[in-house]
Protein backbone atom coordinates (compact mmCIF):
# COMPACT_ATOMS: atom_id res chain seq x y z
CA UNK A 1 74.02 -145.51 2.05
CA UNK A 2 76.14 -147.42 4.52
CA UNK A 3 78.15 -146.29 7.51
CA UNK A 4 81.99 -146.55 7.50
CA UNK A 5 83.67 -149.01 9.80
CA UNK A 6 85.25 -147.93 13.02
CA UNK A 7 89.02 -148.79 13.11
CA UNK A 8 90.39 -149.73 16.51
CA UNK A 9 93.08 -152.05 17.84
CA UNK A 10 91.93 -155.55 18.76
CA UNK A 11 93.05 -154.95 22.35
CA UNK A 12 90.29 -152.32 22.82
CA UNK A 13 87.48 -154.56 21.24
CA UNK A 14 86.08 -155.52 24.62
CA UNK A 15 85.76 -151.93 25.90
CA UNK A 16 82.22 -150.88 26.64
CA UNK A 17 82.60 -147.57 24.82
CA UNK A 18 83.51 -149.27 21.53
CA UNK A 19 80.73 -151.78 21.85
CA UNK A 20 78.24 -149.08 22.76
CA UNK A 21 79.35 -146.99 19.70
CA UNK A 22 79.04 -149.92 17.39
CA UNK A 23 75.65 -150.88 18.74
CA UNK A 24 74.48 -147.32 18.18
CA UNK A 25 75.67 -147.30 14.60
CA UNK A 26 74.12 -150.66 13.96
CA UNK A 27 70.81 -149.35 15.35
CA UNK A 28 71.02 -146.37 13.02
CA UNK A 29 71.61 -148.68 10.07
CA UNK A 30 68.25 -150.40 10.85
CA UNK A 31 66.39 -147.08 10.45
CA UNK A 32 66.20 -145.27 7.17
CA UNK A 33 67.89 -141.90 7.44
CA UNK A 34 68.77 -139.39 4.84
CA UNK A 35 71.98 -139.83 2.87
CA UNK A 36 73.15 -136.29 3.89
CA UNK A 37 73.05 -137.30 7.58
CA UNK A 38 74.84 -140.57 6.84
CA UNK A 39 77.62 -138.48 5.14
CA UNK A 40 77.93 -136.27 8.23
CA UNK A 41 78.20 -139.35 10.48
CA UNK A 42 80.74 -140.86 8.15
CA UNK A 43 82.89 -137.71 8.39
CA UNK A 44 82.87 -138.02 12.12
CA UNK A 45 83.83 -141.74 11.92
CA UNK A 46 86.66 -140.81 9.59
CA UNK A 47 87.89 -138.35 12.17
CA UNK A 48 87.74 -141.01 14.83
CA UNK A 49 89.74 -143.39 12.67
CA UNK A 50 92.54 -140.82 12.52
CA UNK A 51 92.87 -140.65 16.31
CA UNK A 52 95.80 -142.27 18.07
CA UNK A 53 94.75 -145.74 18.90
CA UNK A 54 95.96 -145.97 22.61
CA UNK A 55 93.31 -146.37 25.24
CA UNK A 56 94.04 -143.15 27.14
CA UNK A 57 93.43 -140.93 24.19
CA UNK A 58 91.15 -142.98 21.96
CA UNK A 59 88.35 -143.83 24.35
CA UNK A 60 87.60 -140.22 25.58
CA UNK A 61 87.68 -138.92 22.03
CA UNK A 62 85.37 -141.79 20.91
CA UNK A 63 82.95 -140.90 23.70
CA UNK A 64 83.00 -137.22 22.67
CA UNK A 65 82.44 -138.19 19.02
CA UNK A 66 79.54 -140.51 20.01
CA UNK A 67 77.84 -137.70 21.93
CA UNK A 68 78.34 -135.44 18.90
CA UNK A 69 76.65 -138.08 16.63
CA UNK A 70 73.76 -138.68 19.10
CA UNK A 71 73.04 -134.90 19.29
CA UNK A 72 73.29 -134.66 15.44
CA UNK A 73 70.89 -137.54 14.88
CA UNK A 74 68.48 -136.24 17.43
CA UNK A 75 68.54 -132.78 15.80
CA UNK A 76 68.23 -133.79 12.23
CA UNK A 77 66.40 -137.11 12.25
CA UNK A 78 64.63 -136.85 15.61
CA UNK A 79 65.88 -140.40 16.49
CA UNK A 80 67.00 -141.04 20.05
CA UNK A 81 68.37 -143.91 22.07
CA UNK A 82 66.49 -145.50 24.96
CA UNK A 83 66.59 -143.25 27.97
CA UNK A 84 67.89 -140.22 26.08
CA UNK A 85 65.35 -137.67 27.31
CA UNK A 86 65.41 -139.10 30.81
CA UNK A 87 69.14 -138.50 31.05
CA UNK A 88 68.76 -134.95 29.62
CA UNK A 89 65.89 -134.01 32.02
CA UNK A 90 67.36 -135.53 35.12
CA UNK A 91 70.13 -132.87 35.21
CA UNK A 92 67.73 -130.18 33.98
CA UNK A 93 65.17 -131.05 36.67
CA UNK A 94 67.78 -130.83 39.46
CA UNK A 95 69.02 -127.47 38.26
CA UNK A 96 65.81 -125.80 37.13
CA UNK A 97 63.46 -127.17 39.86
CA UNK A 98 65.51 -128.72 42.56
CA UNK A 99 67.57 -125.72 43.58
CA UNK A 100 64.64 -123.27 43.59
CA UNK A 101 62.53 -125.67 45.66
CA UNK A 102 65.46 -126.07 48.04
CA UNK A 103 65.89 -122.28 48.42
CA UNK A 104 62.09 -122.11 49.10
CA UNK A 105 62.38 -124.69 51.80
CA UNK A 106 65.34 -122.99 53.27
CA UNK A 107 63.71 -119.61 53.44
CA UNK A 108 60.37 -121.02 54.63
CA UNK A 109 62.06 -122.98 57.49
CA UNK A 110 64.54 -120.24 58.11
CA UNK A 111 67.42 -122.67 57.75
CA UNK A 112 69.39 -122.82 54.50
CA UNK A 113 70.58 -126.36 55.38
CA UNK A 114 67.30 -127.49 53.86
CA UNK A 115 68.34 -126.36 50.47
CA UNK A 116 69.39 -129.91 49.68
CA UNK A 117 65.80 -131.14 50.15
CA UNK A 118 64.90 -129.56 46.76
CA UNK A 119 67.40 -131.69 44.79
CA UNK A 120 65.35 -134.96 45.10
CA UNK A 121 62.19 -133.08 44.10
CA UNK A 122 63.89 -131.68 41.00
CA UNK A 123 65.36 -135.08 40.20
CA UNK A 124 61.90 -136.68 40.41
CA UNK A 125 60.34 -133.99 38.19
CA UNK A 126 63.18 -134.35 35.64
CA UNK A 127 62.97 -138.11 35.58
CA UNK A 128 59.20 -137.98 35.14
CA UNK A 129 59.26 -135.49 32.30
CA UNK A 130 62.09 -137.38 30.59
CA UNK A 131 60.40 -140.70 30.92
CA UNK A 132 57.21 -139.22 29.39
CA UNK A 133 59.25 -137.89 26.47
CA UNK A 134 61.03 -141.23 25.97
CA UNK A 135 57.60 -142.95 25.95
CA UNK A 136 56.30 -140.45 23.38
CA UNK A 137 59.42 -141.06 21.19
CA UNK A 138 58.87 -144.81 21.47
CA UNK A 139 55.23 -144.51 20.58
CA UNK A 140 56.04 -142.39 17.48
CA UNK A 141 58.73 -144.70 16.28
CA UNK A 142 61.56 -142.22 16.94
CA UNK A 143 63.39 -144.47 19.51
CA UNK A 144 66.35 -146.53 18.49
CA UNK A 145 66.61 -150.11 19.88
CA UNK A 146 69.75 -149.30 21.87
CA UNK A 147 70.62 -147.79 25.20
CA UNK A 148 73.78 -145.78 25.62
CA UNK A 149 75.36 -143.76 28.43
CA UNK A 150 75.94 -140.26 27.24
């Protein structure tokens, strides 16, 4: 089953968001995914094609739809773009590890100004865990040959 074409004005064809979306869909076409998932993605593309085609409204809605498709494909087909887990774990590492480490530094040094020292530690942990998961996805053939900014 084939994906539907994204319809957009020629004036927006050089926008990075549109090129990124099209590259992602092309990478999905290279992989064999279930027809049911292709139908779900085609429904989202149909919704995008109904959007107003001016830049101020179309591009943000396209980005939101792309994020929805990426999450759907990750959940159902376990396929991810390059750097997907690294992006996910970077924020998680800062929140789950960085802030508690910062609080520990602040309490231990009796100065809560040191709370910001934990953020780089959490960032490093998150990037490390995410990079390991991305490497695992690549090794198992679950990584698409495209990098997108989510």
